[in-house]
Amino acid sequence: MELKGKKVLVTGADGFIGSHLVEALLDKCCDVRAFVYYNSFNNWGWLDTLPTKKLKDLDVVSGDIRDPNGVTFAMKGCDVVFHLAALIGIPFSYHSPDSYVDTNIKGTLNVLQAARHHGTSRILVTSTSEVYGTAQYTPIDEKHPFQGQSPYSATKIGADRLAESFYRSFGLPVVIARPFNTFGPRQSARAVIPTIITQLLSGVGEVRLGRMSPTRDFNYVKDVRGAGVDDGSHSGYGGEGRGDHLISRSNVQRSQCKSQSVGAIGNTNRVSYTKVGGKLLFKRFDFGGEDVAAAVQHALNRAVDFLPERLVLRDQIASPNHDSDFRTYAAVISRAGFSAV
């Protein structure tokens, strides 16, 4: 399906990935409707930061994904739906699991029911790598068993299975996409890469992190949004009724993230462990088609360029040397011991 000129709805459009997806769809000349979480401040989340020209081309609908009537109203007349609205964060799910069931499972059900009602041509349900839990083998593929290791991951598993059931039971044209760890502008400062960057920029003498041994696959947000657009426009990776990975196969340790950020910011501060081990290995870079080293460098440049502006606005840090610090990413790859295979 060619998306140009199509009426497209994005749920969770006010969030990190959703706002980037909205921009990409507008650039493809789609007629975009953004479904954002209603609040009394009339705040549209990250959409508020979009250029005025883009906002003028955007149809924003405020509502609640948990409300079936509001979802049905928002989806009326839409050819394609990108469903990103979700309640995220593992720790919060431990003491408030009902909220996750209502948002992630019932919210997805509302989207699927509305799609049946309206005869929507394609629905992309955004899942997460958290559905797999701790890896039983690596690299994780789509055949890896699901493991509900937290109420959050359990509700995302439930949403996945609901979407699959609507494909198998009713022939609903659903695609499930599972992004692995996405980073870039607008990401929550709680995530590991922004955590490292903000500590370095704040001038701390010691960067504090948790365990250094876990490895993660990182994806730049604009690569994820591009893959999402592809999945929403054609059968793409595995076709309808299946769950497919959006993954870079980067397999990066936390210690390696830190060493790249040190190189990026030109900061010589020490870390709370004695050795940064290993090389940063990128086995595959699926989205973007660029040289791997250049693509990673560009992605991290954007992440660091964004965070200081955000932090300055919140008066969390103040440094007269931001401009010179932000642009020293040329040293990132060499300082991190980068190696492409």
C-alpha atoms as a PDB file:
ATOM      1  CA  MET A   1       0.000   0.000   0.000  1.00  0.00           C
ATOM      2  CA  GLU A   2       1.329   3.407  -0.960  1.00  0.00           C
ATOM      3  CA  LEU A   3       1.010   5.686   2.088  1.00  0.00           C
ATOM      4  CA  LYS A   4       1.194   8.978   0.222  1.00  0.00           C
ATOM      5  CA  GLY A   5      -2.179  10.702   0.417  1.00  0.00           C
ATOM      6  CA  LYS A   6      -3.609   8.089   2.791  1.00  0.00           C
ATOM      7  CA  LYS A   7      -5.395   8.994   6.015  1.00  0.00           C
ATOM      8  CA  VAL A   8      -3.139   7.646   8.776  1.00  0.00           C
ATOM      9  CA  LEU A   9      -3.728   7.529  12.532  1.00  0.00           C
ATOM     10  CA  VAL A  10      -0.876   7.325  15.046  1.00  0.00           C
ATOM     11  CA  THR A  11      -1.806   6.434  18.618  1.00  0.00           C
ATOM     12  CA  GLY A  12       0.740   7.471  21.216  1.00  0.00           C
ATOM     13  CA  ALA A  13       1.696  10.287  18.845  1.00  0.00           C
ATOM     14  CA  ASP A  14       2.751  12.492  21.759  1.00  0.00           C
ATOM     15  CA  GLY A  15       5.493  10.080  22.846  1.00  0.00           C
ATOM     16  CA  PHE A  16       9.147   9.496  21.991  1.00  0.00           C
ATOM     17  CA  ILE A  17       8.847   7.203  18.959  1.00  0.00           C
ATOM     18  CA  GLY A  18       5.317   8.288  18.053  1.00  0.00           C
ATOM     19  CA  SER A  19       6.269  11.927  17.534  1.00  0.00           C
ATOM     20  CA  HIS A  20       9.128  10.934  15.221  1.00  0.00           C
ATOM     21  CA  LEU A  21       6.762   8.666  13.286  1.00  0.00           C
ATOM     22  CA  VAL A  22       4.287  11.524  12.857  1.00  0.00           C
ATOM     23  CA  GLU A  23       7.041  13.667  11.338  1.00  0.00           C
ATOM     24  CA  ALA A  24       8.072  10.889   8.951  1.00  0.00           C
ATOM     25  CA  LEU A  25       4.488  10.372   7.790  1.00  0.00           C
ATOM     26  CA  LEU A  26       3.987  14.098   7.224  1.00  0.00           C
ATOM     27  CA  ASP A  27       7.176  14.101   5.150  1.00  0.00           C
ATOM     28  CA  LYS A  28       5.648  11.322   3.048  1.00  0.00           C
ATOM     29  CA  CYS A  29       2.642  13.579   2.361  1.00  0.00           C
ATOM     30  CA  CYS A  30       0.236  11.477   4.425  1.00  0.00           C
ATOM     31  CA  ASP A  31      -2.931  12.928   5.895  1.00  0.00           C
ATOM     32  CA  VAL A  32      -1.956  12.370   9.533  1.00  0.00           C
ATOM     33  CA  ARG A  33      -4.225  12.234  12.562  1.00  0.00           C
ATOM     34  CA  ALA A  34      -2.399  12.154  15.891  1.00  0.00           C
ATOM     35  CA  PHE A  35      -4.111  10.518  18.852  1.00  0.00           C
ATOM     36  CA  VAL A  36      -2.679  12.014  22.054  1.00  0.00           C
ATOM     37  CA  TYR A  37      -3.451  11.451  25.717  1.00  0.00           C
ATOM     38  CA  TYR A  38      -6.023  13.962  26.962  1.00  0.00           C
ATOM     39  CA  ASN A  39      -4.978  16.263  29.776  1.00  0.00           C
ATOM     40  CA  SER A  40      -6.379  19.477  31.221  1.00  0.00           C
ATOM     41  CA  PHE A  41      -3.312  21.460  30.106  1.00  0.00           C
ATOM     42  CA  ASN A  42      -4.006  20.740  26.415  1.00  0.00           C
ATOM     43  CA  ASN A  43      -0.441  19.460  26.192  1.00  0.00           C
ATOM     44  CA  TRP A  44       0.456  17.420  23.120  1.00  0.00           C
ATOM     45  CA  GLY A  45       3.686  15.991  24.516  1.00  0.00           C
ATOM     46  CA  TRP A  46       6.593  15.978  22.081  1.00  0.00           C
ATOM     47  CA  LEU A  47       4.323  17.146  19.272  1.00  0.00           C
ATOM     48  CA  ASP A  48       4.463  20.581  20.895  1.00  0.00           C
ATOM     49  CA  THR A  49       8.108  20.789  19.772  1.00  0.00           C
ATOM     50  CA  LEU A  50       7.346  20.260  16.072  1.00  0.00           C
ATOM     51  CA  PRO A  51       7.721  23.207  13.688  1.00  0.00           C
ATOM     52  CA  THR A  52       4.590  25.323  13.325  1.00  0.00           C
ATOM     53  CA  LYS A  53       4.287  24.446   9.644  1.00  0.00           C
ATOM     54  CA  LYS A  54       4.071  20.743  10.441  1.00  0.00           C
ATOM     55  CA  LEU A  55       1.575  21.299  13.242  1.00  0.00           C
ATOM     56  CA  LYS A  56      -0.693  23.141  10.788  1.00  0.00           C
ATOM     57  CA  ASP A  57      -0.791  20.003   8.637  1.00  0.00           C
ATOM     58  CA  LEU A  58      -1.617  17.764  11.589  1.00  0.00           C
ATOM     59  CA  ASP A  59      -5.046  16.684  12.839  1.00  0.00           C
ATOM     60  CA  VAL A  60      -4.682  16.191  16.596  1.00  0.00           C
ATOM     61  CA  VAL A  61      -7.322  14.265  18.555  1.00  0.00           C
ATOM     62  CA  SER A  62      -7.075  14.095  22.349  1.00  0.00           C
ATOM     63  CA  GLY A  63      -8.446  11.037  24.084  1.00  0.00           C
ATOM     64  CA  ASP A  64      -7.651   7.929  26.097  1.00  0.00           C
ATOM     65  CA  ILE A  65      -6.675   4.620  24.500  1.00  0.00           C
ATOM     66  CA  ARG A  66      -8.596   2.864  27.290  1.00  0.00           C
ATOM     67  CA  ASP A  67     -11.890   4.381  26.096  1.00  0.00           C
ATOM     68  CA  PRO A  68     -13.382   2.349  23.212  1.00  0.00           C
ATOM     69  CA  ASN A  69     -15.706   5.139  22.093  1.00  0.00           C
ATOM     70  CA  GLY A  70     -12.901   7.671  21.801  1.00  0.00           C
ATOM     71  CA  VAL A  71     -10.700   5.208  19.917  1.00  0.00           C
ATOM     72  CA  THR A  72     -13.505   4.321  17.501  1.00  0.00           C
ATOM     73  CA  PHE A  73     -14.127   8.035  16.881  1.00  0.00           C
ATOM     74  CA  ALA A  74     -10.426   8.739  16.263  1.00  0.00           C
ATOM     75  CA  MET A  75     -10.061   5.841  13.806  1.00  0.00           C
ATOM     76  CA  LYS A  76     -13.050   6.786  11.653  1.00  0.00           C
ATOM     77  CA  GLY A  77     -12.008   7.371   8.059  1.00  0.00           C
ATOM     78  CA  CYS A  78      -8.415   6.189   8.552  1.00  0.00           C
ATOM     79  CA  ASP A  79      -6.821   3.823   6.045  1.00  0.00           C
ATOM     80  CA  VAL A  80      -3.844   2.860   8.208  1.00  0.00           C
ATOM     81  CA  VAL A  81      -3.334   2.815  11.982  1.00  0.00           C
ATOM     82  CA  PHE A  82       0.027   2.820  13.753  1.00  0.00           C
ATOM     83  CA  HIS A  83      -0.706   1.767  17.333  1.00  0.00           C
ATOM     84  CA  LEU A  84       2.038   2.969  19.667  1.00  0.00           C
ATOM     85  CA  ALA A  85       0.019   4.096  22.705  1.00  0.00           C
ATOM     86  CA  ALA A  86       1.146   2.134  25.758  1.00  0.00           C
ATOM     87  CA  LEU A  87       2.012   2.402  29.412  1.00  0.00           C
ATOM     88  CA  ILE A  88       5.744   1.710  29.634  1.00  0.00           C
ATOM     89  CA  GLY A  89       8.277   1.255  32.402  1.00  0.00           C
ATOM     90  CA  ILE A  90       8.906  -2.003  34.210  1.00  0.00           C
ATOM     91  CA  PRO A  91       9.270  -0.759  37.836  1.00  0.00           C
ATOM     92  CA  PHE A  92       5.903   1.025  37.874  1.00  0.00           C
ATOM     93  CA  SER A  93       4.196  -2.138  36.639  1.00  0.00           C
ATOM     94  CA  TYR A  94       5.174  -4.026  39.793  1.00  0.00           C
ATOM     95  CA  HIS A  95       2.828  -2.041  42.021  1.00  0.00           C
ATOM     96  CA  SER A  96       0.267  -0.820  39.472  1.00  0.00           C
ATOM     97  CA  PRO A  97      -0.378  -3.794  37.173  1.00  0.00           C
ATOM     98  CA  ASP A  98      -4.058  -2.961  36.661  1.00  0.00           C
ATOM     99  CA  SER A  99      -3.063   0.223  34.835  1.00  0.00           C
ATOM    100  CA  TYR A 100      -0.919  -1.798  32.440  1.00  0.00           C
ATOM    101  CA  VAL A 101      -3.693  -4.293  31.731  1.00  0.00           C
ATOM    102  CA  ASP A 102      -6.161  -1.484  31.034  1.00  0.00           C
ATOM    103  CA  THR A 103      -3.800   0.459  28.783  1.00  0.00           C
ATOM    104  CA  ASN A 104      -1.741  -2.170  26.985  1.00  0.00           C
ATOM    105  CA  ILE A 105      -4.212  -5.033  26.644  1.00  0.00           C
ATOM    106  CA  LYS A 106      -7.613  -3.351  26.671  1.00  0.00           C
ATOM    107  CA  GLY A 107      -6.234  -0.372  24.739  1.00  0.00           C
ATOM    108  CA  THR A 108      -4.985  -2.672  22.002  1.00  0.00           C
ATOM    109  CA  LEU A 109      -8.307  -4.502  22.012  1.00  0.00           C
ATOM    110  CA  ASN A 110     -10.068  -1.166  21.455  1.00  0.00           C
ATOM    111  CA  VAL A 111      -7.894  -0.491  18.415  1.00  0.00           C
ATOM    112  CA  LEU A 112      -8.482  -3.957  16.964  1.00  0.00           C
ATOM    113  CA  GLN A 113     -12.249  -3.784  17.496  1.00  0.00           C
ATOM    114  CA  ALA A 114     -12.433  -0.327  15.943  1.00  0.00           C
ATOM    115  CA  ALA A 115     -10.382  -1.532  12.974  1.00  0.00           C
ATOM    116  CA  ARG A 116     -12.883  -4.347  12.396  1.00  0.00           C
ATOM    117  CA  HIS A 117     -15.753  -1.897  12.693  1.00  0.00           C
ATOM    118  CA  HIS A 118     -14.290   0.581  10.222  1.00  0.00           C
ATOM    119  CA  GLY A 119     -12.691  -1.925   7.838  1.00  0.00           C
ATOM    120  CA  THR A 120      -9.229  -0.405   8.318  1.00  0.00           C
ATOM    121  CA  SER A 121      -6.821  -1.469   5.559  1.00  0.00           C
ATOM    122  CA  ARG A 122      -3.754  -2.018   7.751  1.00  0.00           C
ATOM    123  CA  ILE A 123      -2.906  -1.928  11.455  1.00  0.00           C
ATOM    124  CA  LEU A 124       0.600  -1.938  12.877  1.00  0.00           C
ATOM    125  CA  VAL A 125       0.775  -2.881  16.558  1.00  0.00           C
ATOM    126  CA  THR A 126       4.002  -1.820  18.248  1.00  0.00           C
ATOM    127  CA  SER A 127       5.314  -4.384  20.690  1.00  0.00           C
ATOM    128  CA  THR A 128       8.667  -4.600  22.490  1.00  0.00           C
ATOM    129  CA  SER A 129      11.669  -6.866  22.921  1.00  0.00           C
ATOM    130  CA  GLU A 130      10.619  -7.152  26.585  1.00  0.00           C
ATOM    131  CA  VAL A 131       8.170  -9.884  25.568  1.00  0.00           C
ATOM    132  CA  TYR A 132      11.149 -12.263  25.395  1.00  0.00           C
ATOM    133  CA  GLY A 133      12.491 -11.582  28.883  1.00  0.00           C
ATOM    134  CA  THR A 134      16.035 -12.713  29.638  1.00  0.00           C
ATOM    135  CA  ALA A 135      17.510 -14.245  26.507  1.00  0.00           C
ATOM    136  CA  GLN A 136      17.573 -18.038  26.446  1.00  0.00           C
ATOM    137  CA  TYR A 137      19.884 -17.758  23.431  1.00  0.00           C
ATOM    138  CA  THR A 138      21.401 -15.001  21.332  1.00  0.00           C
ATOM    139  CA  PRO A 139      20.823 -13.408  19.014  1.00  0.00           C
ATOM    140  CA  ILE A 140      17.130 -13.393  19.898  1.00  0.00           C
ATOM    141  CA  ASP A 141      14.945 -14.170  16.900  1.00  0.00           C
ATOM    142  CA  GLU A 142      11.190 -14.285  16.387  1.00  0.00           C
ATOM    143  CA  LYS A 143      11.123 -17.944  17.478  1.00  0.00           C
ATOM    144  CA  HIS A 144      12.394 -17.111  20.963  1.00  0.00           C
ATOM    145  CA  PRO A 145       9.851 -18.058  23.674  1.00  0.00           C
ATOM    146  CA  PHE A 146       7.801 -15.310  25.309  1.00  0.00           C
ATOM    147  CA  GLN A 147       8.517 -14.779  29.012  1.00  0.00           C
ATOM    148  CA  GLY A 148       6.376 -12.511  31.153  1.00  0.00           C
ATOM    149  CA  GLN A 149       9.085 -11.394  33.574  1.00  0.00           C
ATOM    150  CA  SER A 150       7.158  -8.308  34.672  1.00  0.00           C
ATOM    151  CA  PRO A 151       3.530  -7.179  34.550  1.00  0.00           C
ATOM    152  CA  TYR A 152       4.611  -4.770  31.807  1.00  0.00           C
ATOM    153  CA  SER A 153       6.056  -7.486  29.587  1.00  0.00           C
ATOM    154  CA  ALA A 154       3.090  -9.758  30.327  1.00  0.00           C
ATOM    155  CA  THR A 155       0.645  -7.114  29.106  1.00  0.00           C
ATOM    156  CA  LYS A 156       2.660  -6.579  25.928  1.00  0.00           C
ATOM    157  CA  ILE A 157       2.607 -10.340  25.344  1.00  0.00           C
ATOM    158  CA  GLY A 158      -1.160 -10.225  25.821  1.00  0.00           C
ATOM    159  CA  ALA A 159      -1.474  -7.394  23.305  1.00  0.00           C
ATOM    160  CA  ASP A 160       0.641  -9.316  20.786  1.00  0.00           C
ATOM    161  CA  ARG A 161      -1.494 -12.420  21.139  1.00  0.00           C
ATOM    162  CA  LEU A 162      -4.701 -10.424  20.812  1.00  0.00           C
ATOM    163  CA  ALA A 163      -3.457  -8.887  17.578  1.00  0.00           C
ATOM    164  CA  GLU A 164      -2.450 -12.301  16.261  1.00  0.00           C
ATOM    165  CA  SER A 165      -5.856 -13.723  17.205  1.00  0.00           C
ATOM    166  CA  PHE A 166      -7.681 -10.989  15.298  1.00  0.00           C
ATOM    167  CA  TYR A 167      -5.646 -11.849  12.229  1.00  0.00           C
ATOM    168  CA  ARG A 168      -6.301 -15.575  12.560  1.00  0.00           C
ATOM    169  CA  SER A 169      -9.954 -15.262  13.593  1.00  0.00           C
ATOM    170  CA  PHE A 170     -11.165 -12.340  11.497  1.00  0.00           C
ATOM    171  CA  GLY A 171      -8.511 -11.835   8.832  1.00  0.00           C
ATOM    172  CA  LEU A 172      -7.675  -8.397  10.222  1.00  0.00           C
ATOM    173  CA  PRO A 173      -4.615  -7.036   8.370  1.00  0.00           C
ATOM    174  CA  VAL A 174      -2.347  -6.678  11.399  1.00  0.00           C
ATOM    175  CA  VAL A 175       1.442  -6.439  11.561  1.00  0.00           C
ATOM    176  CA  ILE A 176       3.300  -6.628  14.888  1.00  0.00           C
ATOM    177  CA  ALA A 177       6.628  -4.798  15.180  1.00  0.00           C
ATOM    178  CA  ARG A 178       8.991  -5.358  18.115  1.00  0.00           C
ATOM    179  CA  PRO A 179      11.603  -2.601  18.397  1.00  0.00           C
ATOM    180  CA  PHE A 180      14.603  -3.353  20.561  1.00  0.00           C
ATOM    181  CA  ASN A 181      16.264  -0.591  22.607  1.00  0.00           C
ATOM    182  CA  THR A 182      15.520   2.663  20.800  1.00  0.00           C
ATOM    183  CA  PHE A 183      17.564   5.787  21.516  1.00  0.00           C
ATOM    184  CA  GLY A 184      17.786   9.325  20.217  1.00  0.00           C
ATOM    185  CA  PRO A 185      16.232  12.785  20.614  1.00  0.00           C
ATOM    186  CA  ARG A 186      13.178  12.961  22.922  1.00  0.00           C
ATOM    187  CA  GLN A 187      14.065   9.766  24.775  1.00  0.00           C
ATOM    188  CA  SER A 188      13.397   9.641  28.493  1.00  0.00           C
ATOM    189  CA  ALA A 189      16.432  10.693  30.514  1.00  0.00           C
ATOM    190  CA  ARG A 190      16.020   7.488  32.572  1.00  0.00           C
ATOM    191  CA  ALA A 191      17.392   5.318  29.762  1.00  0.00           C
ATOM    192  CA  VAL A 192      21.018   4.225  29.814  1.00  0.00           C
ATOM    193  CA  ILE A 193      22.442   6.374  26.996  1.00  0.00           C
ATOM    194  CA  PRO A 194      20.783   9.636  28.199  1.00  0.00           C
ATOM    195  CA  THR A 195      21.778   8.726  31.783  1.00  0.00           C
ATOM    196  CA  ILE A 196      25.433   8.506  30.811  1.00  0.00           C
ATOM    197  CA  ILE A 197      25.318  11.681  28.716  1.00  0.00           C
ATOM    198  CA  THR A 198      23.579  13.742  31.401  1.00  0.00           C
ATOM    199  CA  GLN A 199      26.044  12.632  34.065  1.00  0.00           C
ATOM    200  CA  LEU A 200      28.983  13.606  31.874  1.00  0.00           C
ATOM    201  CA  LEU A 201      27.482  16.953  30.923  1.00  0.00           C
ATOM    202  CA  SER A 202      26.708  17.795  34.530  1.00  0.00           C
ATOM    203  CA  GLY A 203      30.423  17.587  35.321  1.00  0.00           C
ATOM    204  CA  VAL A 204      30.348  14.699  37.789  1.00  0.00           C
ATOM    205  CA  GLY A 205      33.709  13.209  38.736  1.00  0.00           C
ATOM    206  CA  GLU A 206      32.407   9.667  38.545  1.00  0.00           C
ATOM    207  CA  VAL A 207      29.801   8.149  36.254  1.00  0.00           C
ATOM    208  CA  ARG A 208      27.582   5.767  38.198  1.00  0.00           C
ATOM    209  CA  LEU A 209      25.779   2.907  36.483  1.00  0.00           C
ATOM    210  CA  GLY A 210      24.438  -0.476  37.451  1.00  0.00           C
ATOM    211  CA  ARG A 211      25.832  -3.790  36.258  1.00  0.00           C
ATOM    212  CA  MET A 212      28.177  -3.550  33.290  1.00  0.00           C
ATOM    213  CA  SER A 213      27.657  -7.063  31.922  1.00  0.00           C
ATOM    214  CA  PRO A 214      24.161  -6.885  30.299  1.00  0.00           C
ATOM    215  CA  THR A 215      24.209  -6.395  26.534  1.00  0.00           C
ATOM    216  CA  ARG A 216      21.567  -4.648  24.459  1.00  0.00           C
ATOM    217  CA  ASP A 217      20.722  -4.098  20.807  1.00  0.00           C
ATOM    218  CA  PHE A 218      20.342  -0.382  20.135  1.00  0.00           C
ATOM    219  CA  ASN A 219      18.377   1.271  17.342  1.00  0.00           C
ATOM    220  CA  TYR A 220      18.374   4.936  16.428  1.00  0.00           C
ATOM    221  CA  VAL A 221      14.831   6.302  16.624  1.00  0.00           C
ATOM    222  CA  LYS A 222      14.746   7.536  13.021  1.00  0.00           C
ATOM    223  CA  ASP A 223      15.698   4.074  11.790  1.00  0.00           C
ATOM    224  CA  VAL A 224      12.899   2.591  13.893  1.00  0.00           C
ATOM    225  CA  ARG A 225      10.355   5.056  12.534  1.00  0.00           C
ATOM    226  CA  GLY A 226      11.508   4.311   8.986  1.00  0.00           C
ATOM    227  CA  ALA A 227      11.082   0.594   9.511  1.00  0.00           C
ATOM    228  CA  GLY A 228       7.662   1.253  11.026  1.00  0.00           C
ATOM    229  CA  VAL A 229       6.589   3.201   7.957  1.00  0.00           C
ATOM    230  CA  ASP A 230       7.752   0.307   5.776  1.00  0.00           C
ATOM    231  CA  ASP A 231       5.858  -2.220   7.895  1.00  0.00           C
ATOM    232  CA  GLY A 232       2.746  -0.063   7.726  1.00  0.00           C
ATOM    233  CA  SER A 233       2.822   0.242   3.963  1.00  0.00           C
ATOM    234  CA  HIS A 234       3.471  -3.346   2.848  1.00  0.00           C
ATOM    235  CA  SER A 235       3.844  -6.867   4.140  1.00  0.00           C
ATOM    236  CA  GLY A 236       7.520  -6.189   4.705  1.00  0.00           C
ATOM    237  CA  TYR A 237       9.349  -8.396   7.142  1.00  0.00           C
ATOM    238  CA  GLY A 238       7.094 -11.291   7.968  1.00  0.00           C
ATOM    239  CA  GLY A 239       3.740 -10.173   6.667  1.00  0.00           C
ATOM    240  CA  GLU A 240       0.396  -9.874   8.359  1.00  0.00           C
ATOM    241  CA  GLY A 241      -0.370 -11.760  11.537  1.00  0.00           C
ATOM    242  CA  ARG A 242       3.274 -12.092  12.536  1.00  0.00           C
ATOM    243  CA  GLY A 243       5.631 -10.330  14.904  1.00  0.00           C
ATOM    244  CA  ASP A 244       8.827  -8.950  13.418  1.00  0.00           C
ATOM    245  CA  HIS A 245      11.946  -7.450  14.945  1.00  0.00           C
ATOM    246  CA  LEU A 246      13.204  -3.923  14.433  1.00  0.00           C
ATOM    247  CA  ILE A 247      16.778  -4.510  15.542  1.00  0.00           C
ATOM    248  CA  SER A 248      20.324  -3.439  14.783  1.00  0.00           C
ATOM    249  CA  ARG A 249      22.085  -6.492  16.269  1.00  0.00           C
ATOM    250  CA  SER A 250      24.419  -4.074  18.017  1.00  0.00           C
ATOM    251  CA  ASN A 251      24.887  -6.154  21.193  1.00  0.00           C
ATOM    252  CA  VAL A 252      26.460  -3.321  23.189  1.00  0.00           C
ATOM    253  CA  GLN A 253      27.511  -3.463  26.834  1.00  0.00           C
ATOM    254  CA  ARG A 254      26.712  -0.598  29.201  1.00  0.00           C
ATOM    255  CA  SER A 255      30.412   0.011  29.647  1.00  0.00           C
ATOM    256  CA  GLN A 256      30.746   0.470  25.893  1.00  0.00           C
ATOM    257  CA  CYS A 257      27.884   2.992  25.849  1.00  0.00           C
ATOM    258  CA  LYS A 258      29.764   4.939  28.471  1.00  0.00           C
ATOM    259  CA  SER A 259      33.041   4.927  26.582  1.00  0.00           C
ATOM    260  CA  GLN A 260      31.327   6.234  23.449  1.00  0.00           C
ATOM    261  CA  SER A 261      29.693   9.044  25.394  1.00  0.00           C
ATOM    262  CA  VAL A 262      33.000  10.047  26.958  1.00  0.00           C
ATOM    263  CA  GLY A 263      34.465  10.347  23.491  1.00  0.00           C
ATOM    264  CA  ALA A 264      31.427  12.229  22.274  1.00  0.00           C
ATOM    265  CA  ILE A 265      31.503  14.911  24.908  1.00  0.00           C
ATOM    266  CA  GLY A 266      35.246  15.172  25.233  1.00  0.00           C
ATOM    267  CA  ASN A 267      34.956  14.392  28.936  1.00  0.00           C
ATOM    268  CA  THR A 268      37.826  12.691  30.780  1.00  0.00           C
ATOM    269  CA  ASN A 269      35.897  11.888  33.957  1.00  0.00           C
ATOM    270  CA  ARG A 270      36.497   8.487  35.475  1.00  0.00           C
ATOM    271  CA  VAL A 271      33.890   5.777  35.898  1.00  0.00           C
ATOM    272  CA  SER A 272      32.915   3.775  38.940  1.00  0.00           C
ATOM    273  CA  TYR A 273      34.612   0.644  37.643  1.00  0.00           C
ATOM    274  CA  THR A 274      38.252   0.132  36.725  1.00  0.00           C
ATOM    275  CA  LYS A 275      38.153  -1.176  33.175  1.00  0.00           C
ATOM    276  CA  VAL A 276      36.067  -0.596  30.082  1.00  0.00           C
ATOM    277  CA  GLY A 277      36.264  -3.942  28.374  1.00  0.00           C
ATOM    278  CA  GLY A 278      35.616  -5.198  24.894  1.00  0.00           C
ATOM    279  CA  LYS A 279      34.902  -3.600  21.562  1.00  0.00           C
ATOM    280  CA  LEU A 280      31.706  -2.095  20.276  1.00  0.00           C
ATOM    281  CA  LEU A 281      30.547  -4.621  17.713  1.00  0.00           C
ATOM    282  CA  PHE A 282      27.835  -3.972  15.157  1.00  0.00           C
ATOM    283  CA  LYS A 283      27.055  -7.222  13.409  1.00  0.00           C
ATOM    284  CA  ARG A 284      24.260  -5.780  11.322  1.00  0.00           C
ATOM    285  CA  PHE A 285      22.702  -2.391  10.756  1.00  0.00           C
ATOM    286  CA  ASP A 286      19.366  -3.052   9.126  1.00  0.00           C
ATOM    287  CA  PHE A 287      17.877   0.367   8.583  1.00  0.00           C
ATOM    288  CA  GLY A 288      19.430   3.328   6.871  1.00  0.00           C
ATOM    289  CA  GLY A 289      21.831   1.796   4.375  1.00  0.00           C
ATOM    290  CA  GLU A 290      24.722   3.961   5.565  1.00  0.00           C
ATOM    291  CA  ASP A 291      28.226   2.939   6.462  1.00  0.00           C
ATOM    292  CA  VAL A 292      27.903   1.434   9.939  1.00  0.00           C
ATOM    293  CA  ALA A 293      30.467   3.611  11.679  1.00  0.00           C
ATOM    294  CA  ALA A 294      29.111   6.792  10.108  1.00  0.00           C
ATOM    295  CA  ALA A 295      25.528   5.840  10.946  1.00  0.00           C
ATOM    296  CA  VAL A 296      26.303   5.170  14.599  1.00  0.00           C
ATOM    297  CA  GLN A 297      28.308   8.368  14.900  1.00  0.00           C
ATOM    298  CA  HIS A 298      25.493  10.423  13.388  1.00  0.00           C
ATOM    299  CA  ALA A 299      22.873   8.822  15.644  1.00  0.00           C
ATOM    300  CA  LEU A 300      24.834   9.495  18.824  1.00  0.00           C
ATOM    301  CA  ASN A 301      25.595  13.030  17.677  1.00  0.00           C
ATOM    302  CA  ARG A 302      21.888  13.733  17.515  1.00  0.00           C
ATOM    303  CA  ALA A 303      21.276  12.175  20.931  1.00  0.00           C
ATOM    304  CA  VAL A 304      23.870  14.378  22.607  1.00  0.00           C
ATOM    305  CA  ASP A 305      22.876  17.516  20.696  1.00  0.00           C
ATOM    306  CA  PHE A 306      19.329  17.090  21.947  1.00  0.00           C
ATOM    307  CA  LEU A 307      19.864  16.355  25.628  1.00  0.00           C
ATOM    308  CA  PRO A 308      21.757  19.509  26.674  1.00  0.00           C
ATOM    309  CA  GLU A 309      19.070  21.740  25.171  1.00  0.00           C
ATOM    310  CA  ARG A 310      16.441  19.824  27.109  1.00  0.00           C
ATOM    311  CA  LEU A 311      18.412  19.953  30.331  1.00  0.00           C
ATOM    312  CA  VAL A 312      19.195  23.657  30.034  1.00  0.00           C
ATOM    313  CA  LEU A 313      15.506  24.375  29.610  1.00  0.00           C
ATOM    314  CA  ARG A 314      14.863  22.515  32.850  1.00  0.00           C
ATOM    315  CA  ASP A 315      17.748  24.279  34.645  1.00  0.00           C
ATOM    316  CA  GLN A 316      19.265  20.933  35.498  1.00  0.00           C
ATOM    317  CA  ILE A 317      22.722  21.789  34.191  1.00  0.00           C
ATOM    318  CA  ALA A 318      24.568  24.911  33.128  1.00  0.00           C
ATOM    319  CA  SER A 319      27.824  24.905  31.214  1.00  0.00           C
ATOM    320  CA  PRO A 320      29.380  27.689  29.123  1.00  0.00           C
ATOM    321  CA  ASN A 321      31.132  25.117  26.951  1.00  0.00           C
ATOM    322  CA  HIS A 322      28.146  23.252  25.501  1.00  0.00           C
ATOM    323  CA  ASP A 323      28.776  24.144  21.863  1.00  0.00           C
ATOM    324  CA  SER A 324      32.363  22.971  21.905  1.00  0.00           C
ATOM    325  CA  ASP A 325      31.507  19.858  23.911  1.00  0.00           C
ATOM    326  CA  PHE A 326      28.646  18.723  21.664  1.00  0.00           C
ATOM    327  CA  ARG A 327      30.679  18.666  18.487  1.00  0.00           C
ATOM    328  CA  THR A 328      33.534  16.412  19.535  1.00  0.00           C
ATOM    329  CA  TYR A 329      31.878  13.211  18.323  1.00  0.00           C
ATOM    330  CA  ALA A 330      34.618  12.579  15.777  1.00  0.00           C
ATOM    331  CA  ALA A 331      36.518  10.805  18.550  1.00  0.00           C
ATOM    332  CA  VAL A 332      33.647   8.511  19.492  1.00  0.00           C
ATOM    333  CA  ILE A 333      34.428   5.554  17.291  1.00  0.00           C
ATOM    334  CA  SER A 334      38.168   5.450  17.934  1.00  0.00           C
ATOM    335  CA  ARG A 335      37.891   5.945  21.690  1.00  0.00           C
ATOM    336  CA  ALA A 336      35.279   3.228  21.978  1.00  0.00           C
ATOM    337  CA  GLY A 337      37.416   0.725  20.090  1.00  0.00           C
ATOM    338  CA  PHE A 338      34.794   0.510  17.373  1.00  0.00           C
ATOM    339  CA  SER A 339      34.880  -2.513  15.104  1.00  0.00           C
ATOM    340  CA  ALA A 340      32.378  -3.421  12.394  1.00  0.00           C
ATOM    341  CA  VAL A 341      31.954  -7.073  11.452  1.00  0.00           C
END
